[in-house]
C-alpha cells in the first residue's frame, strides 16, 4: 500500500471520529449531560463525560492537523527523491531577432549596388 493512501486513510478516520464526537455534544449544554439527568454536581461521571468529549475533540483535531502536515512533508519529500530530472539553475532564452524592414524586399539588380 502506498504511503499516500495510508495517510489518507488515517486522516479520513480521524475526521470521521471528530464528526461523531462533535455530533454527540450539544452546544447549549444539553448533550450527554442532560440525557443522563443533568446537573454538574452529579457524582458518577456525567460531568466527566463532557470533559472527555471536549478533550477528545481537541485531541482528534490536533491529530488530524498533525497527520495532514506530516503527510505533506513525507509524501512530497518521497516524490522529490524519485525524480531524477536535473533542473538547470538558470535558463537563458534566445533573443528574438528584430526585423529591420517590415516592408517587402526588392530584388537587387546590377552589380550588387542598389540604384534607385
C-alpha atoms as a PDB file:
ATOM      1  CA  UNK A   1       0.000   0.000   0.000  1.00  0.00           C
ATOM      2  CA  UNK A   2       1.273   3.415  -0.923  1.00  0.00           C
ATOM      3  CA  UNK A   3       2.327   5.831   1.815  1.00  0.00           C
ATOM      4  CA  UNK A   4      -0.126   8.414   0.499  1.00  0.00           C
ATOM      5  CA  UNK A   5      -3.087   6.058   0.931  1.00  0.00           C
ATOM      6  CA  UNK A   6      -2.035   5.170   4.488  1.00  0.00           C
ATOM      7  CA  UNK A   7      -2.017   8.843   5.460  1.00  0.00           C
ATOM      8  CA  UNK A   8      -5.278   9.395   3.597  1.00  0.00           C
ATOM      9  CA  UNK A   9      -6.925   6.527   5.482  1.00  0.00           C
ATOM     10  CA  UNK A  10      -5.716   7.843   8.852  1.00  0.00           C
ATOM     11  CA  UNK A  11      -6.878  11.391   8.078  1.00  0.00           C
ATOM     12  CA  UNK A  12     -10.326  10.185   6.966  1.00  0.00           C
ATOM     13  CA  UNK A  13     -10.637   8.017  10.089  1.00  0.00           C
ATOM     14  CA  UNK A  14      -9.680  10.931  12.371  1.00  0.00           C
ATOM     15  CA  UNK A  15     -12.124  13.220  10.543  1.00  0.00           C
ATOM     16  CA  UNK A  16     -14.955  10.696  10.907  1.00  0.00           C
ATOM     17  CA  UNK A  17     -14.273  10.261  14.631  1.00  0.00           C
ATOM     18  CA  UNK A  18     -14.121  14.039  15.034  1.00  0.00           C
ATOM     19  CA  UNK A  19     -17.518  14.381  13.356  1.00  0.00           C
ATOM     20  CA  UNK A  20     -19.006  11.721  15.648  1.00  0.00           C
ATOM     21  CA  UNK A  21     -17.585  13.341  18.801  1.00  0.00           C
ATOM     22  CA  UNK A  22     -18.827  16.790  17.771  1.00  0.00           C
ATOM     23  CA  UNK A  23     -22.299  15.483  16.925  1.00  0.00           C
ATOM     24  CA  UNK A  24     -22.613  13.854  20.355  1.00  0.00           C
ATOM     25  CA  UNK A  25     -22.028  17.205  22.047  1.00  0.00           C
ATOM     26  CA  UNK A  26     -24.737  19.831  22.365  1.00  0.00           C
ATOM     27  CA  UNK A  27     -23.583  23.459  22.167  1.00  0.00           C
ATOM     28  CA  UNK A  28     -26.316  24.665  24.552  1.00  0.00           C
ATOM     29  CA  UNK A  29     -25.232  22.415  27.380  1.00  0.00           C
ATOM     30  CA  UNK A  30     -27.736  19.643  26.705  1.00  0.00           C
ATOM     31  CA  UNK A  31     -25.642  16.885  25.172  1.00  0.00           C
ATOM     32  CA  UNK A  32     -24.967  13.745  27.167  1.00  0.00           C
ATOM     33  CA  UNK A  33     -25.043  15.752  30.380  1.00  0.00           C
ATOM     34  CA  UNK A  34     -28.785  16.434  30.128  1.00  0.00           C
ATOM     35  CA  UNK A  35     -29.512  12.955  28.814  1.00  0.00           C
ATOM     36  CA  UNK A  36     -28.240  11.321  31.985  1.00  0.00           C
ATOM     37  CA  UNK A  37     -30.018  13.597  34.390  1.00  0.00           C
ATOM     38  CA  UNK A  38     -28.407  16.870  34.289  1.00  0.00           C
ATOM     39  CA  UNK A  39     -26.509  18.703  36.985  1.00  0.00           C
ATOM     40  CA  UNK A  40     -22.842  19.445  37.095  1.00  0.00           C
ATOM     41  CA  UNK A  41     -22.762  18.374  40.745  1.00  0.00           C
ATOM     42  CA  UNK A  42     -23.787  14.844  39.945  1.00  0.00           C
ATOM     43  CA  UNK A  43     -21.379  12.191  41.094  1.00  0.00           C
ATOM     44  CA  UNK A  44     -20.856   9.320  38.718  1.00  0.00           C
ATOM     45  CA  UNK A  45     -19.117  10.874  35.781  1.00  0.00           C
ATOM     46  CA  UNK A  46     -21.622  12.722  33.644  1.00  0.00           C
ATOM     47  CA  UNK A  47     -19.630  15.927  34.013  1.00  0.00           C
ATOM     48  CA  UNK A  48     -16.551  13.875  33.276  1.00  0.00           C
ATOM     49  CA  UNK A  49     -18.246  12.648  30.090  1.00  0.00           C
ATOM     50  CA  UNK A  50     -18.487  16.188  28.749  1.00  0.00           C
ATOM     51  CA  UNK A  51     -14.879  16.811  29.762  1.00  0.00           C
ATOM     52  CA  UNK A  52     -13.887  13.627  27.932  1.00  0.00           C
ATOM     53  CA  UNK A  53     -15.782  14.708  24.816  1.00  0.00           C
ATOM     54  CA  UNK A  54     -14.079  18.112  24.856  1.00  0.00           C
ATOM     55  CA  UNK A  55     -10.644  16.545  25.307  1.00  0.00           C
ATOM     56  CA  UNK A  56     -11.425  14.015  22.556  1.00  0.00           C
ATOM     57  CA  UNK A  57     -12.453  16.848  20.230  1.00  0.00           C
ATOM     58  CA  UNK A  58      -9.214  18.755  20.750  1.00  0.00           C
ATOM     59  CA  UNK A  59      -7.107  15.587  20.572  1.00  0.00           C
ATOM     60  CA  UNK A  60      -8.687  14.440  17.309  1.00  0.00           C
ATOM     61  CA  UNK A  61      -8.359  17.953  15.887  1.00  0.00           C
ATOM     62  CA  UNK A  62      -4.644  18.042  16.773  1.00  0.00           C
ATOM     63  CA  UNK A  63      -4.144  14.528  15.429  1.00  0.00           C
ATOM     64  CA  UNK A  64      -5.808  15.421  12.134  1.00  0.00           C
ATOM     65  CA  UNK A  65      -3.768  18.622  11.680  1.00  0.00           C
ATOM     66  CA  UNK A  66      -0.589  16.744  12.609  1.00  0.00           C
ATOM     67  CA  UNK A  67      -1.330  13.963  10.124  1.00  0.00           C
ATOM     68  CA  UNK A  68      -2.030  16.469   7.373  1.00  0.00           C
ATOM     69  CA  UNK A  69       1.234  18.346   7.962  1.00  0.00           C
ATOM     70  CA  UNK A  70       3.224  15.142   8.337  1.00  0.00           C
ATOM     71  CA  UNK A  71       1.741  13.654   5.178  1.00  0.00           C
ATOM     72  CA  UNK A  72       2.602  16.778   3.193  1.00  0.00           C
ATOM     73  CA  UNK A  73       6.235  16.716   4.265  1.00  0.00           C
ATOM     74  CA  UNK A  74       6.766  12.962   3.907  1.00  0.00           C
ATOM     75  CA  UNK A  75       4.782  12.347   0.719  1.00  0.00           C
ATOM     76  CA  UNK A  76       6.231  15.329  -1.149  1.00  0.00           C
ATOM     77  CA  UNK A  77       9.758  14.512   0.046  1.00  0.00           C
ATOM     78  CA  UNK A  78       9.420  10.948  -1.253  1.00  0.00           C
ATOM     79  CA  UNK A  79       8.176  12.160  -4.648  1.00  0.00           C
ATOM     80  CA  UNK A  80      11.102  14.601  -4.930  1.00  0.00           C
ATOM     81  CA  UNK A  81      13.572  11.780  -4.281  1.00  0.00           C
ATOM     82  CA  UNK A  82      12.061   9.694  -7.090  1.00  0.00           C
ATOM     83  CA  UNK A  83      12.552  12.409  -9.678  1.00  0.00           C
ATOM     84  CA  UNK A  84      15.994  12.263 -11.255  1.00  0.00           C
ATOM     85  CA  UNK A  85      15.421  15.219 -13.528  1.00  0.00           C
ATOM     86  CA  UNK A  86      18.113  17.847 -13.216  1.00  0.00           C
ATOM     87  CA  UNK A  87      16.663  21.315 -13.056  1.00  0.00           C
ATOM     88  CA  UNK A  88      19.008  23.909 -14.548  1.00  0.00           C
ATOM     89  CA  UNK A  89      19.766  26.833 -12.299  1.00  0.00           C
ATOM     90  CA  UNK A  90      19.447  29.468 -14.980  1.00  0.00           C
ATOM     91  CA  UNK A  91      17.870  29.104 -18.360  1.00  0.00           C
ATOM     92  CA  UNK A  92      18.689  31.718 -20.941  1.00  0.00           C
ATOM     93  CA  UNK A  93      16.137  32.325 -23.627  1.00  0.00           C
ATOM     94  CA  UNK A  94      17.477  33.293 -27.027  1.00  0.00           C
ATOM     95  CA  UNK A  95      16.930  36.876 -28.040  1.00  0.00           C
ATOM     96  CA  UNK A  96      14.308  37.366 -30.704  1.00  0.00           C
ATOM     97  CA  UNK A  97      15.698  38.953 -33.859  1.00  0.00           C
ATOM     98  CA  UNK A  98      14.178  42.321 -34.582  1.00  0.00           C
ATOM     99  CA  UNK A  99      13.076  42.842 -38.178  1.00  0.00           C
ATOM    100  CA  UNK A 100      14.925  45.717 -39.851  1.00  0.00           C
ATOM    101  CA  UNK A 101      12.488  46.189 -42.703  1.00  0.00           C
ATOM    102  CA  UNK A 102       8.896  45.404 -42.217  1.00  0.00           C
ATOM    103  CA  UNK A 103       8.052  46.095 -45.858  1.00  0.00           C
ATOM    104  CA  UNK A 104       8.574  43.786 -48.820  1.00  0.00           C
ATOM    105  CA  UNK A 105      12.114  43.280 -50.000  1.00  0.00           C
ATOM    106  CA  UNK A 106      13.034  44.155 -53.568  1.00  0.00           C
ATOM    107  CA  UNK A 107      15.370  42.053 -55.653  1.00  0.00           C
ATOM    108  CA  UNK A 108      18.794  43.543 -56.215  1.00  0.00           C
ATOM    109  CA  UNK A 109      19.666  44.327 -59.843  1.00  0.00           C
ATOM    110  CA  UNK A 110      23.016  45.080 -61.254  1.00  0.00           C
ATOM    111  CA  UNK A 111      26.428  44.605 -59.678  1.00  0.00           C
ATOM    112  CA  UNK A 112      25.277  44.388 -56.124  1.00  0.00           C
ATOM    113  CA  UNK A 113      24.529  48.047 -55.646  1.00  0.00           C
ATOM    114  CA  UNK A 114      21.094  49.441 -55.138  1.00  0.00           C
ATOM    115  CA  UNK A 115      20.394  52.026 -57.778  1.00  0.00           C
ATOM    116  CA  UNK A 116      17.014  53.687 -57.385  1.00  0.00           C
END
